[in-house]
């Protein structure tokens, strides 16, 4: 079965201590390295999401951006 471009699916097994191993291909694609901290977002109806690191960093940058810096015409 061919996956659509940029779309992937993997499985992971939860160990006795609640740990999962992120598949090697997923770690390579998303640049996950040993020691990285990941954020897990959960929704009781939709499940768990692990967004790419840069997606959350961009969100935080926008959240804490000085409103004066975001004003139209500002550089």
Protein backbone atom coordinates (compact mmCIF):
# COMPACT_ATOMS: atom_id res chain seq x y z
CA UNK A 1 0.00 0.00 0.00
CA UNK A 2 1.39 3.43 -0.96
CA UNK A 3 1.00 6.27 1.52
CA UNK A 4 0.03 9.72 0.21
CA UNK A 5 3.05 12.04 -0.04
CA UNK A 6 4.05 13.34 3.37
CA UNK A 7 1.60 11.08 5.23
CA UNK A 8 2.81 8.21 7.37
CA UNK A 9 1.51 5.65 9.84
CA UNK A 10 3.53 3.66 12.35
CA UNK A 11 2.82 1.47 15.33
CA UNK A 12 4.49 1.53 18.74
CA UNK A 13 4.19 -0.82 21.69
CA UNK A 14 3.77 0.55 25.20
CA UNK A 15 6.16 -1.10 27.66
CA UNK A 16 5.49 -1.99 31.28
CA UNK A 17 6.73 1.44 32.43
CA UNK A 18 4.45 3.26 29.97
CA UNK A 19 7.29 4.02 27.58
CA UNK A 20 7.03 3.87 23.80
CA UNK A 21 9.73 3.68 21.18
CA UNK A 22 9.30 6.09 18.28
CA UNK A 23 10.09 4.18 15.08
CA UNK A 24 13.45 5.02 13.48
CA UNK A 25 11.88 6.30 10.25
CA UNK A 26 9.66 8.70 12.23
CA UNK A 27 12.64 9.95 14.26
CA UNK A 28 14.62 10.56 11.08
CA UNK A 29 11.80 12.32 9.23
CA UNK A 30 11.00 14.63 12.15
CA UNK A 31 14.57 15.13 13.38
CA UNK A 32 13.98 13.60 16.81
CA UNK A 33 17.26 12.97 18.61
CA UNK A 34 18.10 11.27 21.93
CA UNK A 35 17.50 13.70 24.78
CA UNK A 36 14.89 15.73 22.91
CA UNK A 37 11.80 16.72 24.86
CA UNK A 38 8.51 16.09 23.10
CA UNK A 39 5.13 17.61 23.85
CA UNK A 40 2.11 15.33 23.77
CA UNK A 41 -1.27 16.94 23.20
CA UNK A 42 -4.35 14.94 24.09
CA UNK A 43 -8.04 15.11 23.31
CA UNK A 44 -10.33 12.51 24.90
CA UNK A 45 -12.27 12.13 21.63
CA UNK A 46 -9.51 12.54 19.05
CA UNK A 47 -6.51 10.92 20.73
CA UNK A 48 -2.89 11.93 21.27
CA UNK A 49 -0.82 14.12 18.96
CA UNK A 50 2.92 14.73 19.01
CA UNK A 51 3.43 17.90 16.96
CA UNK A 52 6.78 18.63 15.32
CA UNK A 53 9.10 20.67 17.54
CA UNK A 54 9.10 23.68 15.23
CA UNK A 55 5.29 23.84 15.14
CA UNK A 56 5.09 24.37 18.89
CA UNK A 57 8.05 26.77 18.89
CA UNK A 58 6.28 28.90 16.25
CA UNK A 59 3.10 28.87 18.36
CA UNK A 60 5.01 30.04 21.44
CA UNK A 61 6.78 32.77 19.48
CA UNK A 62 3.42 34.11 18.30
CA UNK A 63 1.91 33.81 21.77
CA UNK A 64 4.64 35.82 23.46
CA UNK A 65 5.29 38.27 20.63
CA UNK A 66 5.18 41.94 21.64
CA UNK A 67 1.91 43.32 20.19
CA UNK A 68 3.77 46.46 19.06
CA UNK A 69 6.10 44.32 16.95
CA UNK A 70 3.12 42.74 15.17
CA UNK A 71 1.50 46.07 14.25
CA UNK A 72 1.10 46.72 10.49
CA UNK A 73 3.97 48.67 9.00
CA UNK A 74 6.45 47.64 11.73
CA UNK A 75 9.71 45.96 10.72
